[in-house]
Amino acid sequence: MPHETAPAVSLQVHVVTVSTTRGVAEDRSGPLLRELAEGAGHVVTGHAIVPDDPAAIGVELDRALAAKNVDVVLLTGGTGISARDCTPQVVRSRLDRELPGFGELFRLVSFEEIGPAAMVSNAIGGVAGGRLVFAMPGSTGACKTAMERLILPQLGHLASELRKESPLPRRASESVRPVVRARATPEREAEGLPLPSAAPIQPPRRGIDVMQAETPAPAEASAPAVGWQAAVAALGGRLVPMGGTPVPDALASIPAAMDVLGSANARMRLLAADGRSWLLFGFPDLLRPASKVLAVREALPVSEVVALHRWPARVGLCCELDDSLLPATESNLEEVGAERTGTPPPELGTLFAVETGSVWVQQARYVRRWDGRKFGPEENPRSALGSLLLGWSQR
């Protein structure tokens, strides 16, 4: 039975043109996507042109997914089979759920139009951070086909389905102006492409995000951040969708650890001002100051895991990173033990984990907790790690 048609809804769209060879003057597909979206009643809040580079595409996609004034991200370009075509891989790495049908149907309808050459397209669509993402080829014909035959007819329905599970917040101060409309040219008129409306505004410059939100009124003084939110503020960080970012292999191989992380109701990525990045797991969410939040970063010997909600106390699993938020595994055990418990451990070892009033010491193949008076029983490092993660996710 076909889906019922979703009520007409105006969504906010961000367009990304991926091309190393096309600048503003040469870009035709980006303006076409904007005009088709606006013609269907949606609002284009931004447009950027980025080169065929995974890092550049990833940065722009992360910025769009983190913005409060974006419901849909449309990318054009970089979906072929040449060595520089990397858009599908970057998009897939951010997706929480892929929509295989989009790519399949796009190639089907493209086959009707261009024949076997349709097999070259790696068009991809899906959901990332509650936003819809579609990547399509760079030609205007492909963009027109994808938008008119697949995306626009279903966009309202897809958005309504997503908002059933996680409505996207909207505040009056986050209203945006439609931006980056193409200038009319004889070439566009000759090709029969949609023309811009009157009073066009300045198109984007290469490599620059041109999202133009209205400047909000100055916020009233608020209470200082506490808990895990205080940690984010102290790091000068911002939260972006985790996308398809995997849990570090060292943790993924420990079932007890994955049981805990898999029970998180919310997941995001924390980008610190200095470039460091952690995966965040929220219990029960990443909205309330009282939530329990574990920050995970790939490292050795296992991973860096920080219980951010204990901030400013530095609590978590130690690692060998020089820029860790916690003491390194090879730190002076006597000094760290005395600082945390008041009395240094009487036996040597390496730091496994630190808490407010105790340290966990790894000695050969087992781990023991030192509380300043005595050592606890010996534990297998894997089971100790699972127990620690479970405790931190609850307290």
Protein backbone atom coordinates (compact mmCIF):
# COMPACT_ATOMS: atom_id res chain seq x y z
CA MET A 1 0.00 0.00 0.00
CA PRO A 2 1.51 3.37 -0.96
CA HIS A 3 2.35 5.89 1.73
CA GLU A 4 -0.11 8.67 2.27
CA THR A 5 1.10 12.00 1.00
CA ALA A 6 2.67 13.99 3.82
CA PRO A 7 1.32 17.46 4.48
CA ALA A 8 3.15 20.23 2.65
CA VAL A 9 6.06 21.37 4.79
CA SER A 10 8.80 23.92 4.19
CA LEU A 11 12.22 22.49 5.00
CA GLN A 12 15.55 24.26 5.32
CA VAL A 13 18.11 23.08 2.80
CA HIS A 14 21.90 23.40 2.62
CA VAL A 15 23.58 22.84 -0.76
CA VAL A 16 27.17 21.67 -1.24
CA THR A 17 28.85 21.67 -4.65
CA VAL A 18 31.83 19.31 -4.73
CA SER A 19 34.28 20.21 -7.48
CA THR A 20 37.96 20.97 -7.83
CA THR A 21 37.55 22.43 -11.33
CA ARG A 22 34.32 24.44 -11.06
CA GLY A 23 34.19 27.83 -9.40
CA VAL A 24 31.22 30.08 -8.80
CA ALA A 25 31.00 31.11 -12.45
CA GLU A 26 31.13 27.52 -13.72
CA ASP A 27 28.85 25.93 -11.13
CA ARG A 28 25.46 25.20 -12.62
CA SER A 29 24.32 22.23 -10.60
CA GLY A 30 24.42 23.98 -7.23
CA PRO A 31 22.21 26.88 -8.36
CA LEU A 32 19.85 24.39 -10.02
CA LEU A 33 19.44 22.47 -6.76
CA ARG A 34 18.69 25.71 -4.94
CA GLU A 35 16.10 26.79 -7.46
CA LEU A 36 14.36 23.42 -7.59
CA ALA A 37 14.21 23.30 -3.78
CA GLU A 38 12.84 26.82 -3.55
CA GLY A 39 10.38 26.13 -6.34
CA ALA A 40 8.98 23.32 -4.20
CA GLY A 41 8.47 25.69 -1.26
CA HIS A 42 11.62 24.96 0.71
CA VAL A 43 14.15 27.52 2.01
CA VAL A 44 17.80 27.39 1.02
CA THR A 45 19.81 28.53 4.03
CA GLY A 46 23.27 28.10 2.57
CA HIS A 47 25.49 26.97 -0.29
CA ALA A 48 29.20 26.19 -0.29
CA ILE A 49 31.63 25.02 -2.97
CA VAL A 50 34.36 22.64 -1.78
CA PRO A 51 37.09 20.70 -3.63
CA ASP A 52 37.15 16.95 -4.20
CA ASP A 53 38.93 16.37 -0.91
CA PRO A 54 37.60 14.08 1.86
CA ALA A 55 38.64 16.46 4.64
CA ALA A 56 37.07 19.51 2.98
CA ILE A 57 33.84 17.66 2.22
CA GLY A 58 33.74 16.26 5.75
CA VAL A 59 34.23 19.65 7.39
CA GLU A 60 31.46 21.23 5.33
CA LEU A 61 29.09 18.30 5.90
CA ASP A 62 29.76 18.37 9.65
CA ARG A 63 29.08 22.12 9.76
CA ALA A 64 25.79 21.66 7.95
CA LEU A 65 24.70 18.75 10.14
CA ALA A 66 25.54 20.70 13.28
CA ALA A 67 23.57 23.79 12.22
CA LYS A 68 20.15 24.32 13.77
CA ASN A 69 18.78 25.81 10.56
CA VAL A 70 19.34 22.76 8.32
CA ASP A 71 16.90 19.91 7.72
CA VAL A 72 18.29 18.61 4.44
CA VAL A 73 21.77 18.57 2.91
CA LEU A 74 22.04 18.22 -0.87
CA LEU A 75 25.47 17.47 -2.35
CA THR A 76 26.30 17.46 -6.04
CA GLY A 77 29.52 16.14 -7.55
CA GLY A 78 32.18 13.58 -6.74
CA THR A 79 30.02 10.46 -7.12
CA GLY A 80 31.84 8.84 -10.05
CA ILE A 81 34.60 6.23 -10.12
CA SER A 82 37.72 8.34 -10.61
CA ALA A 83 40.36 8.44 -7.90
CA ARG A 84 39.29 11.91 -6.77
CA ASP A 85 35.57 11.04 -6.47
CA CYS A 86 35.12 10.63 -2.71
CA THR A 87 31.74 12.17 -1.88
CA PRO A 88 29.90 8.84 -1.29
CA GLN A 89 32.54 7.58 1.14
CA VAL A 90 32.47 10.80 3.17
CA VAL A 91 28.67 10.85 3.28
CA ARG A 92 28.42 7.18 4.22
CA SER A 93 30.83 7.69 7.13
CA ARG A 94 28.40 10.24 8.63
CA LEU A 95 25.16 8.34 8.08
CA ASP A 96 23.24 6.79 10.96
CA ARG A 97 20.93 5.06 8.47
CA GLU A 98 21.41 4.69 4.74
CA LEU A 99 18.51 4.75 2.27
CA PRO A 100 19.71 2.19 -0.30
CA GLY A 101 16.57 2.73 -2.34
CA PHE A 102 17.66 6.24 -3.29
CA GLY A 103 20.80 5.08 -5.07
CA GLU A 104 19.04 2.09 -6.57
CA LEU A 105 16.13 4.12 -7.94
CA PHE A 106 18.41 6.90 -9.15
CA ARG A 107 20.41 4.46 -11.25
CA LEU A 108 17.17 2.91 -12.52
CA VAL A 109 15.65 6.18 -13.71
CA SER A 110 19.05 7.32 -15.01
CA PHE A 111 19.27 4.15 -17.08
CA GLU A 112 16.02 5.15 -18.73
CA GLU A 113 17.61 8.47 -19.69
CA ILE A 114 21.28 7.76 -20.41
CA GLY A 115 21.54 3.98 -20.72
CA PRO A 116 24.38 1.84 -19.26
CA ALA A 117 26.38 4.92 -18.25
CA ALA A 118 24.06 5.06 -15.21
CA MET A 119 26.10 2.29 -13.59
CA VAL A 120 28.93 4.76 -12.97
CA SER A 121 26.85 6.78 -10.48
CA ASN A 122 27.37 6.21 -6.76
CA ALA A 123 24.49 8.42 -5.66
CA ILE A 124 23.71 7.89 -1.97
CA GLY A 125 21.12 9.07 0.54
CA GLY A 126 20.35 8.57 4.19
CA VAL A 127 19.86 10.06 7.64
CA ALA A 128 22.61 11.68 9.73
CA GLY A 129 21.91 13.32 13.05
CA GLY A 130 18.19 13.55 12.28
CA ARG A 131 18.88 15.32 8.98
CA LEU A 132 18.30 14.01 5.46
CA VAL A 133 21.38 13.83 3.23
CA PHE A 134 21.43 13.17 -0.51
CA ALA A 135 24.51 13.08 -2.75
CA MET A 136 24.07 13.04 -6.52
CA PRO A 137 26.26 13.47 -9.60
CA GLY A 138 27.53 16.85 -10.73
CA SER A 139 25.65 17.20 -14.02
CA THR A 140 22.55 19.37 -14.20
CA GLY A 141 20.64 16.55 -15.85
CA ALA A 142 21.39 14.17 -13.00
CA CYS A 143 20.45 16.77 -10.40
CA LYS A 144 17.18 17.52 -12.17
CA THR A 145 16.34 13.80 -12.37
CA ALA A 146 17.19 13.16 -8.71
CA MET A 147 15.26 16.16 -7.44
CA GLU A 148 12.15 15.99 -9.59
CA ARG A 149 11.65 12.24 -9.73
CA LEU A 150 12.93 11.08 -6.33
CA ILE A 151 13.82 13.66 -3.67
CA LEU A 152 11.17 16.37 -3.89
CA PRO A 153 8.15 14.01 -4.17
CA GLN A 154 9.19 12.25 -0.95
CA LEU A 155 10.92 14.99 1.03
CA GLY A 156 7.86 15.98 3.07
CA HIS A 157 7.03 12.38 3.92
CA LEU A 158 10.61 11.54 4.94
CA ALA A 159 10.86 14.65 7.11
CA SER A 160 7.55 13.88 8.84
CA GLU A 161 8.76 10.35 9.60
CA LEU A 162 11.97 11.67 11.15
CA ARG A 163 10.15 14.24 13.24
CA LYS A 164 7.98 11.52 14.76
CA GLU A 165 11.04 10.17 16.52
CA SER A 166 13.07 13.33 17.13
CA PRO A 167 11.53 16.72 16.30
CA LEU A 168 14.11 19.28 15.27
CA PRO A 169 14.04 22.35 17.52
CA ARG A 170 13.16 25.70 16.04
CA ARG A 171 13.52 29.01 17.84
CA ALA A 172 12.53 32.45 16.66
CA SER A 173 16.12 33.63 16.93
CA GLU A 174 17.22 30.96 14.47
CA SER A 175 15.29 32.21 11.45
CA VAL A 176 17.40 32.40 8.30
CA ARG A 177 17.40 34.27 5.06
CA PRO A 178 17.35 32.40 1.75
CA VAL A 179 20.84 32.83 0.31
CA VAL A 180 23.10 32.32 -2.70
CA ARG A 181 20.79 32.58 -5.67
CA ALA A 182 22.42 32.29 -9.12
CA ARG A 183 22.64 35.23 -11.42
CA ALA A 184 20.68 35.01 -14.65
CA THR A 185 22.85 34.26 -17.68
CA PRO A 186 22.10 33.80 -21.39
CA GLU A 187 23.49 30.28 -21.12
CA ARG A 188 20.97 29.29 -18.45
CA GLU A 189 18.12 30.79 -20.46
CA ALA A 190 19.26 28.91 -23.57
CA GLU A 191 19.33 25.62 -21.66
CA GLY A 192 15.85 26.18 -20.32
CA LEU A 193 17.07 26.03 -16.71
CA PRO A 194 15.02 27.70 -13.95
CA LEU A 195 15.83 31.39 -13.69
CA PRO A 196 16.50 33.17 -10.42
CA SER A 197 13.93 35.52 -9.02
CA ALA A 198 14.39 39.25 -9.04
CA ALA A 199 16.94 40.90 -6.78
CA PRO A 200 19.46 38.03 -6.63
CA ILE A 201 22.09 38.17 -3.92
CA GLN A 202 25.81 37.57 -4.10
CA PRO A 203 26.71 33.95 -4.92
CA PRO A 204 29.14 32.00 -2.72
CA ARG A 205 32.88 32.19 -2.92
CA ARG A 206 34.84 28.96 -3.28
CA GLY A 207 35.50 27.06 -0.09
CA ILE A 208 33.55 29.41 2.15
CA ASP A 209 30.46 28.42 4.04
CA VAL A 210 27.87 31.08 3.28
CA MET A 211 25.09 30.14 5.69
CA GLN A 212 23.61 33.48 6.72
CA ALA A 213 21.44 33.25 9.78
CA GLU A 214 19.86 36.34 11.25
CA THR A 215 21.94 37.66 14.12
CA PRO A 216 20.12 36.71 17.32
CA ALA A 217 19.51 39.18 20.07
CA PRO A 218 22.11 39.10 22.87
CA ALA A 219 21.32 36.28 25.24
CA GLU A 220 20.43 37.10 28.79
CA ALA A 221 22.94 36.16 31.45
CA SER A 222 22.51 32.50 32.31
CA ALA A 223 23.80 30.19 34.99
CA PRO A 224 27.27 28.74 34.32
CA ALA A 225 27.42 25.33 32.70
CA VAL A 226 27.72 22.37 35.06
CA GLY A 227 28.46 18.67 34.72
CA TRP A 228 29.44 17.41 31.28
CA GLN A 229 28.33 20.70 29.73
CA ALA A 230 30.96 22.48 31.82
CA ALA A 231 33.57 20.15 30.31
CA VAL A 232 32.42 21.01 26.79
CA ALA A 233 32.61 24.72 27.62
CA ALA A 234 36.06 24.36 29.16
CA LEU A 235 37.33 22.65 26.01
CA GLY A 236 35.83 25.36 23.81
CA GLY A 237 34.00 22.51 22.12
CA ARG A 238 30.93 22.06 20.00
CA LEU A 239 28.76 19.03 19.36
CA VAL A 240 28.23 17.63 15.88
CA PRO A 241 26.46 14.46 14.72
CA MET A 242 28.51 11.33 15.23
CA GLY A 243 27.41 9.92 11.88
CA GLY A 244 28.94 6.56 11.04
CA THR A 245 32.07 7.12 13.12
CA PRO A 246 33.02 3.72 14.57
CA VAL A 247 33.90 2.93 18.16
CA PRO A 248 37.68 2.33 18.44
CA ASP A 249 38.60 -1.27 17.64
CA ALA A 250 40.11 -1.86 21.09
CA LEU A 251 36.76 -1.14 22.75
CA ALA A 252 34.66 -2.74 20.01
CA SER A 253 36.39 -6.05 20.71
CA ILE A 254 35.24 -6.04 24.37
CA PRO A 255 31.58 -7.17 24.60
CA ALA A 256 31.10 -5.73 28.09
CA ALA A 257 32.25 -2.30 26.89
CA MET A 258 30.02 -2.41 23.84
CA ASP A 259 27.05 -3.45 25.97
CA VAL A 260 27.44 -0.23 27.95
CA LEU A 261 28.09 2.07 24.99
CA GLY A 262 25.32 0.41 23.01
CA SER A 263 22.81 1.29 25.73
CA ALA A 264 23.40 5.05 25.31
CA ASN A 265 20.28 6.86 24.15
CA ALA A 266 22.21 9.71 22.54
CA ARG A 267 25.46 9.90 20.63
CA MET A 268 27.32 12.91 19.30
CA ARG A 269 30.85 13.96 18.48
CA LEU A 270 32.69 16.61 20.53
CA LEU A 271 35.08 18.82 18.58
CA ALA A 272 37.37 20.79 20.89
CA ALA A 273 38.75 24.19 19.95
CA ASP A 274 42.27 22.73 19.65
CA GLY A 275 41.20 20.07 17.14
CA ARG A 276 40.82 17.11 19.47
CA SER A 277 37.73 14.97 18.95
CA TRP A 278 35.79 12.51 21.11
CA LEU A 279 32.75 10.33 20.58
CA LEU A 280 30.13 11.16 23.23
CA PHE A 281 27.69 8.62 24.66
CA GLY A 282 24.84 10.10 26.72
CA PHE A 283 22.90 8.32 29.47
CA PRO A 284 20.00 8.99 29.08
CA ASP A 285 20.62 11.86 26.65
CA LEU A 286 22.86 14.77 25.67
CA LEU A 287 20.43 17.50 26.68
CA ARG A 288 20.38 17.73 30.46
CA PRO A 289 23.29 18.87 32.65
CA ALA A 290 22.64 15.89 34.93
CA SER A 291 23.12 13.32 32.14
CA LYS A 292 25.98 10.88 32.45
CA VAL A 293 28.33 11.27 29.48
CA LEU A 294 31.27 9.14 28.42
CA ALA A 295 33.80 10.63 25.98
CA VAL A 296 35.75 8.08 23.93
CA ARG A 297 38.86 8.63 21.83
CA GLU A 298 41.06 6.09 20.06
CA ALA A 299 44.37 5.53 21.82
CA LEU A 300 46.64 2.86 23.28
CA PRO A 301 46.71 0.51 25.06
CA VAL A 302 42.89 0.44 24.94
CA SER A 303 41.18 3.83 24.46
CA GLU A 304 40.83 7.12 26.27
CA VAL A 305 37.49 7.14 28.09
CA VAL A 306 36.55 10.17 30.19
CA ALA A 307 33.49 10.47 32.45
CA LEU A 308 32.75 14.06 31.44
CA HIS A 309 29.92 14.43 33.96
CA ARG A 310 32.46 14.22 36.79
CA TRP A 311 34.09 17.45 35.58
CA PRO A 312 36.18 19.20 36.85
CA ALA A 313 37.39 15.93 38.39
CA ARG A 314 39.37 13.98 35.80
CA VAL A 315 37.87 10.49 35.91
CA GLY A 316 38.28 7.76 33.34
CA LEU A 317 40.40 5.19 31.54
CA CYS A 318 44.05 6.17 31.11
CA CYS A 319 45.94 5.94 27.82
CA GLU A 320 49.25 6.88 26.23
CA LEU A 321 48.14 10.10 24.51
CA ASP A 322 50.23 13.14 25.40
CA ASP A 323 47.18 15.41 25.17
CA SER A 324 44.83 13.22 27.21
CA LEU A 325 42.49 14.81 29.76
CA LEU A 326 43.72 12.17 32.23
CA PRO A 327 47.11 11.15 33.61
CA ALA A 328 48.98 8.97 31.11
CA THR A 329 49.43 5.27 31.76
CA GLU A 330 53.17 5.80 32.32
CA SER A 331 52.71 8.70 34.76
CA ASN A 332 54.47 8.54 38.12
CA LEU A 333 52.23 6.07 39.98
CA GLU A 334 53.30 7.24 43.44
CA GLU A 335 52.52 10.88 42.67
CA VAL A 336 49.15 10.21 41.04
CA GLY A 337 48.21 7.67 43.74
CA ALA A 338 49.06 10.11 46.52
CA GLU A 339 47.18 12.93 44.79
CA ARG A 340 44.04 10.83 44.32
CA THR A 341 43.97 8.83 47.55
CA GLY A 342 46.37 10.54 49.97
CA THR A 343 48.71 7.54 50.04
CA PRO A 344 50.82 6.16 47.18
CA PRO A 345 50.30 2.48 46.22
CA PRO A 346 52.87 0.23 47.88
CA GLU A 347 53.43 -1.82 44.72
CA LEU A 348 54.58 -0.79 41.28
CA GLY A 349 52.51 -0.92 38.10
CA THR A 350 50.98 1.32 35.45
CA LEU A 351 47.87 3.46 35.64
CA PHE A 352 44.79 1.75 34.25
CA ALA A 353 42.10 4.19 35.39
CA VAL A 354 41.66 7.08 37.81
CA GLU A 355 38.70 8.15 39.95
CA THR A 356 38.23 10.86 42.55
CA GLY A 357 39.32 8.75 45.52
CA SER A 358 41.08 5.80 43.93
CA VAL A 359 43.39 4.63 41.19
CA TRP A 360 43.30 1.40 39.24
CA VAL A 361 46.72 -0.16 38.80
CA GLN A 362 47.64 -2.70 36.12
CA GLN A 363 50.23 -5.21 37.21
CA ALA A 364 51.14 -7.77 34.54
CA ARG A 365 47.88 -9.48 33.49
CA TYR A 366 45.55 -8.19 36.18
CA VAL A 367 44.14 -4.92 37.50
CA ARG A 368 43.54 -3.87 41.11
CA ARG A 369 41.92 -0.83 42.69
CA TRP A 370 43.93 1.16 45.28
CA ASP A 371 41.84 3.34 47.63
CA GLY A 372 44.65 4.72 49.78
CA ARG A 373 44.41 1.92 52.38
CA LYS A 374 44.40 -1.40 50.56
CA PHE A 375 44.26 -3.04 47.18
CA GLY A 376 41.05 -4.61 45.96
CA PRO A 377 40.82 -8.09 44.45
CA GLU A 378 42.55 -8.92 41.19
CA GLU A 379 40.46 -8.52 38.03
CA ASN A 380 40.88 -9.28 34.36
CA PRO A 381 41.49 -5.95 32.54
CA ARG A 382 38.60 -6.56 30.15
CA SER A 383 36.09 -7.26 32.91
CA ALA A 384 37.44 -4.36 34.98
CA LEU A 385 36.98 -2.03 32.02
CA GLY A 386 33.38 -3.17 31.53
CA SER A 387 32.62 -2.66 35.23
CA LEU A 388 34.14 0.82 35.21
CA LEU A 389 32.21 1.91 32.14
CA LEU A 390 28.99 0.61 33.62
CA GLY A 391 29.61 2.45 36.88
CA TRP A 392 30.49 5.71 35.16
CA SER A 393 27.42 5.53 32.93
CA GLN A 394 25.19 5.32 36.03
CA ARG A 395 26.91 7.54 38.61
